[in-house]
Amino acid sequence: PYVNGALYSILSIPSIREEARAMGMEDILRCFIKEGNAEMIRQIEFIIKQLNSDLLDGVLESDDDEDEDDEEDHDIMEADLDKDELIQPQLGELSGEKLLTTEYLGIMTNTGKARRKGPASVQWSGDEPLRRPVTPGGHRTGCPV
């Protein structure tokens, strides 16, 4: 079905449509009608109709304009829905740029101490060197295998 849709769209371009007619594409498509199921036959008939049409390039663009209007309407409605969802910071709670510079600036610039919060996190004081995990078997003596 994707190939049929792509073929239908490509045949909206007059130069390609003329070339397809010249190479006998309608006869080729009619061969597929004999073998296909009902849905395939219907799609091929639409492609043949597009092949034999004399539409200009601008005709399909008007359909796109309608889609853009729908998208704009959707964006407006979505903005209206989001108005009720604004979250205000509580008294003493950091927000906005103050939150970003306080909590996350050190991560990006390596100037601040590493901060981690959560039940499974390990606290690092900044005074002691970092201990990286060691690969098991990394301390073996002798020659590598």
C-alpha atoms as a PDB file:
ATOM      1  CA  PRO A   1       0.000   0.000   0.000  1.00  0.00           C
ATOM      2  CA  TYR A   2       2.886   2.425   0.647  1.00  0.00           C
ATOM      3  CA  VAL A   3       4.257   1.890  -2.837  1.00  0.00           C
ATOM      4  CA  ASN A   4       0.832   2.530  -4.321  1.00  0.00           C
ATOM      5  CA  GLY A   5       0.495   5.755  -2.332  1.00  0.00           C
ATOM      6  CA  ALA A   6       3.947   6.926  -3.370  1.00  0.00           C
ATOM      7  CA  LEU A   7       3.231   6.101  -7.006  1.00  0.00           C
ATOM      8  CA  TYR A   8      -0.066   7.991  -6.840  1.00  0.00           C
ATOM      9  CA  SER A   9       1.704  11.047  -5.386  1.00  0.00           C
ATOM     10  CA  ILE A  10       4.556  10.955  -7.875  1.00  0.00           C
ATOM     11  CA  LEU A  11       2.115  10.780 -10.766  1.00  0.00           C
ATOM     12  CA  SER A  12       0.734  14.172  -9.715  1.00  0.00           C
ATOM     13  CA  ILE A  13       3.844  15.719 -11.306  1.00  0.00           C
ATOM     14  CA  PRO A  14       3.036  16.356 -14.999  1.00  0.00           C
ATOM     15  CA  SER A  15       6.501  15.509 -16.367  1.00  0.00           C
ATOM     16  CA  ILE A  16       6.593  12.170 -14.548  1.00  0.00           C
ATOM     17  CA  ARG A  17       3.012  11.426 -15.546  1.00  0.00           C
ATOM     18  CA  GLU A  18       3.866  12.030 -19.233  1.00  0.00           C
ATOM     19  CA  GLU A  19       6.937   9.792 -19.004  1.00  0.00           C
ATOM     20  CA  ALA A  20       4.880   7.048 -17.344  1.00  0.00           C
ATOM     21  CA  ARG A  21       2.292   7.230 -20.118  1.00  0.00           C
ATOM     22  CA  ALA A  22       5.042   7.063 -22.745  1.00  0.00           C
ATOM     23  CA  MET A  23       6.498   3.882 -21.237  1.00  0.00           C
ATOM     24  CA  GLY A  24       3.097   2.158 -21.146  1.00  0.00           C
ATOM     25  CA  MET A  25       2.558   2.154 -17.409  1.00  0.00           C
ATOM     26  CA  GLU A  26      -1.207   1.746 -17.706  1.00  0.00           C
ATOM     27  CA  ASP A  27      -0.795  -1.644 -19.419  1.00  0.00           C
ATOM     28  CA  ILE A  28       1.659  -2.734 -16.726  1.00  0.00           C
ATOM     29  CA  LEU A  29      -0.752  -1.716 -13.967  1.00  0.00           C
ATOM     30  CA  ARG A  30      -3.650  -3.526 -15.658  1.00  0.00           C
ATOM     31  CA  CYS A  31      -1.630  -6.766 -15.476  1.00  0.00           C
ATOM     32  CA  PHE A  32      -1.584  -6.388 -11.681  1.00  0.00           C
ATOM     33  CA  ILE A  33      -5.366  -5.919 -11.596  1.00  0.00           C
ATOM     34  CA  LYS A  34      -5.822  -9.476 -12.887  1.00  0.00           C
ATOM     35  CA  GLU A  35      -3.844 -10.944  -9.964  1.00  0.00           C
ATOM     36  CA  GLY A  36      -4.745  -8.687  -7.038  1.00  0.00           C
ATOM     37  CA  ASN A  37      -7.334  -8.733  -4.294  1.00  0.00           C
ATOM     38  CA  ALA A  38     -10.223  -6.241  -4.124  1.00  0.00           C
ATOM     39  CA  GLU A  39      -8.290  -3.611  -2.123  1.00  0.00           C
ATOM     40  CA  MET A  40      -5.267  -3.844  -4.422  1.00  0.00           C
ATOM     41  CA  ILE A  41      -7.480  -3.545  -7.494  1.00  0.00           C
ATOM     42  CA  ARG A  42      -9.139  -0.436  -6.064  1.00  0.00           C
ATOM     43  CA  GLN A  43      -5.743   1.175  -5.395  1.00  0.00           C
ATOM     44  CA  ILE A  44      -4.452   0.374  -8.873  1.00  0.00           C
ATOM     45  CA  GLU A  45      -7.596   1.856 -10.432  1.00  0.00           C
ATOM     46  CA  PHE A  46      -6.941   5.096  -8.524  1.00  0.00           C
ATOM     47  CA  ILE A  47      -3.353   5.103  -9.794  1.00  0.00           C
ATOM     48  CA  ILE A  48      -4.552   4.593 -13.384  1.00  0.00           C
ATOM     49  CA  LYS A  49      -7.048   7.424 -12.932  1.00  0.00           C
ATOM     50  CA  GLN A  50      -4.192   9.652 -11.703  1.00  0.00           C
ATOM     51  CA  LEU A  51      -2.037   8.546 -14.631  1.00  0.00           C
ATOM     52  CA  ASN A  52      -4.720   9.556 -17.127  1.00  0.00           C
ATOM     53  CA  SER A  53      -5.630  12.826 -15.408  1.00  0.00           C
ATOM     54  CA  ASP A  54      -4.557  16.232 -16.638  1.00  0.00           C
ATOM     55  CA  LEU A  55      -4.267  17.907 -13.230  1.00  0.00           C
ATOM     56  CA  LEU A  56      -1.821  20.726 -12.691  1.00  0.00           C
ATOM     57  CA  ASP A  57       0.762  20.691  -9.898  1.00  0.00           C
ATOM     58  CA  GLY A  58      -1.146  23.236  -7.820  1.00  0.00           C
ATOM     59  CA  VAL A  59      -4.221  21.063  -7.330  1.00  0.00           C
ATOM     60  CA  LEU A  60      -2.649  18.833  -4.691  1.00  0.00           C
ATOM     61  CA  GLU A  61      -1.215  21.810  -2.823  1.00  0.00           C
ATOM     62  CA  SER A  62      -4.701  23.059  -1.958  1.00  0.00           C
ATOM     63  CA  ASP A  63      -5.252  19.855   0.029  1.00  0.00           C
ATOM     64  CA  ASP A  64      -2.097  20.585   2.020  1.00  0.00           C
ATOM     65  CA  ASP A  65      -3.403  24.045   2.938  1.00  0.00           C
ATOM     66  CA  GLU A  66      -6.437  22.462   4.584  1.00  0.00           C
ATOM     67  CA  ASP A  67      -4.156  20.182   6.618  1.00  0.00           C
ATOM     68  CA  GLU A  68      -2.121  23.177   7.802  1.00  0.00           C
ATOM     69  CA  ASP A  69      -5.313  24.909   8.955  1.00  0.00           C
ATOM     70  CA  ASP A  70      -6.227  21.808  10.948  1.00  0.00           C
ATOM     71  CA  GLU A  71      -2.789  21.798  12.589  1.00  0.00           C
ATOM     72  CA  GLU A  72      -3.126  25.481  13.532  1.00  0.00           C
ATOM     73  CA  ASP A  73      -6.552  24.808  15.076  1.00  0.00           C
ATOM     74  CA  HIS A  74      -5.062  21.905  17.038  1.00  0.00           C
ATOM     75  CA  ASP A  75      -2.231  24.108  18.354  1.00  0.00           C
ATOM     76  CA  ILE A  76      -4.705  26.772  19.499  1.00  0.00           C
ATOM     77  CA  MET A  77      -6.879  24.217  21.270  1.00  0.00           C
ATOM     78  CA  GLU A  78      -3.835  22.640  22.915  1.00  0.00           C
ATOM     79  CA  ALA A  79      -2.687  26.021  24.245  1.00  0.00           C
ATOM     80  CA  ASP A  80      -6.145  26.554  25.759  1.00  0.00           C
ATOM     81  CA  LEU A  81      -5.956  23.177  27.476  1.00  0.00           C
ATOM     82  CA  ASP A  82      -2.511  23.919  28.903  1.00  0.00           C
ATOM     83  CA  LYS A  83      -3.648  27.169  30.577  1.00  0.00           C
ATOM     84  CA  ASP A  84      -5.183  25.266  33.489  1.00  0.00           C
ATOM     85  CA  GLU A  85      -2.060  23.157  33.976  1.00  0.00           C
ATOM     86  CA  LEU A  86       0.361  25.925  34.961  1.00  0.00           C
ATOM     87  CA  ILE A  87       2.267  24.923  38.076  1.00  0.00           C
ATOM     88  CA  GLN A  88       3.365  27.630  40.470  1.00  0.00           C
ATOM     89  CA  PRO A  89       6.364  27.069  42.778  1.00  0.00           C
ATOM     90  CA  GLN A  90       5.612  26.817  46.469  1.00  0.00           C
ATOM     91  CA  LEU A  91       7.063  29.218  49.003  1.00  0.00           C
ATOM     92  CA  GLY A  92      10.838  28.722  49.252  1.00  0.00           C
ATOM     93  CA  GLU A  93      10.965  26.323  46.307  1.00  0.00           C
ATOM     94  CA  LEU A  94      13.503  27.044  43.564  1.00  0.00           C
ATOM     95  CA  SER A  95      12.192  27.545  40.042  1.00  0.00           C
ATOM     96  CA  GLY A  96      13.232  28.835  36.651  1.00  0.00           C
ATOM     97  CA  GLU A  97      16.762  30.040  36.074  1.00  0.00           C
ATOM     98  CA  LYS A  98      17.570  30.045  39.793  1.00  0.00           C
ATOM     99  CA  LEU A  99      16.784  26.318  39.932  1.00  0.00           C
ATOM    100  CA  LEU A 100      18.870  25.613  36.851  1.00  0.00           C
ATOM    101  CA  THR A 101      21.930  27.540  37.995  1.00  0.00           C
ATOM    102  CA  THR A 102      21.775  26.179  41.537  1.00  0.00           C
ATOM    103  CA  GLU A 103      21.145  22.531  40.783  1.00  0.00           C
ATOM    104  CA  TYR A 104      22.489  21.887  37.295  1.00  0.00           C
ATOM    105  CA  LEU A 105      25.151  24.438  36.342  1.00  0.00           C
ATOM    106  CA  GLY A 106      27.886  22.424  38.070  1.00  0.00           C
ATOM    107  CA  ILE A 107      27.037  19.362  36.016  1.00  0.00           C
ATOM    108  CA  MET A 108      27.547  21.204  32.745  1.00  0.00           C
ATOM    109  CA  THR A 109      30.653  23.193  33.680  1.00  0.00           C
ATOM    110  CA  ASN A 110      32.287  20.878  36.254  1.00  0.00           C
ATOM    111  CA  THR A 111      32.665  23.840  38.634  1.00  0.00           C
ATOM    112  CA  GLY A 112      30.257  22.762  41.319  1.00  0.00           C
ATOM    113  CA  LYS A 113      30.120  19.755  43.580  1.00  0.00           C
ATOM    114  CA  ALA A 114      28.263  16.765  42.242  1.00  0.00           C
ATOM    115  CA  ARG A 115      24.833  16.494  43.811  1.00  0.00           C
ATOM    116  CA  ARG A 116      22.708  13.430  43.704  1.00  0.00           C
ATOM    117  CA  LYS A 117      19.441  12.913  45.453  1.00  0.00           C
ATOM    118  CA  GLY A 118      17.382   9.810  45.855  1.00  0.00           C
ATOM    119  CA  PRO A 119      17.230   6.661  47.923  1.00  0.00           C
ATOM    120  CA  ALA A 120      19.730   4.618  45.887  1.00  0.00           C
ATOM    121  CA  SER A 121      22.324   7.333  45.315  1.00  0.00           C
ATOM    122  CA  VAL A 122      25.744   7.521  46.945  1.00  0.00           C
ATOM    123  CA  GLN A 123      26.847  10.850  48.401  1.00  0.00           C
ATOM    124  CA  TRP A 124      30.255  12.178  47.368  1.00  0.00           C
ATOM    125  CA  SER A 125      31.855  14.799  49.543  1.00  0.00           C
ATOM    126  CA  GLY A 126      34.194  16.237  46.902  1.00  0.00           C
ATOM    127  CA  ASP A 127      37.201  15.919  49.248  1.00  0.00           C
ATOM    128  CA  GLU A 128      37.981  12.293  48.522  1.00  0.00           C
ATOM    129  CA  PRO A 129      39.025  10.913  45.122  1.00  0.00           C
ATOM    130  CA  LEU A 130      36.442   9.148  43.010  1.00  0.00           C
ATOM    131  CA  ARG A 131      36.568   5.363  43.048  1.00  0.00           C
ATOM    132  CA  ARG A 132      35.735   3.847  39.726  1.00  0.00           C
ATOM    133  CA  PRO A 133      34.320   0.323  39.434  1.00  0.00           C
ATOM    134  CA  VAL A 134      36.852  -2.396  38.718  1.00  0.00           C
ATOM    135  CA  THR A 135      36.228  -5.033  36.076  1.00  0.00           C
ATOM    136  CA  PRO A 136      36.033  -8.497  37.679  1.00  0.00           C
ATOM    137  CA  GLY A 137      39.225 -10.432  37.085  1.00  0.00           C
ATOM    138  CA  GLY A 138      41.188  -7.239  36.497  1.00  0.00           C
ATOM    139  CA  HIS A 139      43.554  -7.983  39.400  1.00  0.00           C
ATOM    140  CA  ARG A 140      44.695 -11.411  38.203  1.00  0.00           C
ATOM    141  CA  THR A 141      48.344 -12.219  38.237  1.00  0.00           C
ATOM    142  CA  GLY A 142      49.997 -13.939  35.352  1.00  0.00           C
ATOM    143  CA  CYS A 143      49.661 -13.704  31.601  1.00  0.00           C
ATOM    144  CA  PRO A 144      46.401 -12.834  29.863  1.00  0.00           C
ATOM    145  CA  VAL A 145      44.687 -15.737  28.134  1.00  0.00           C
END
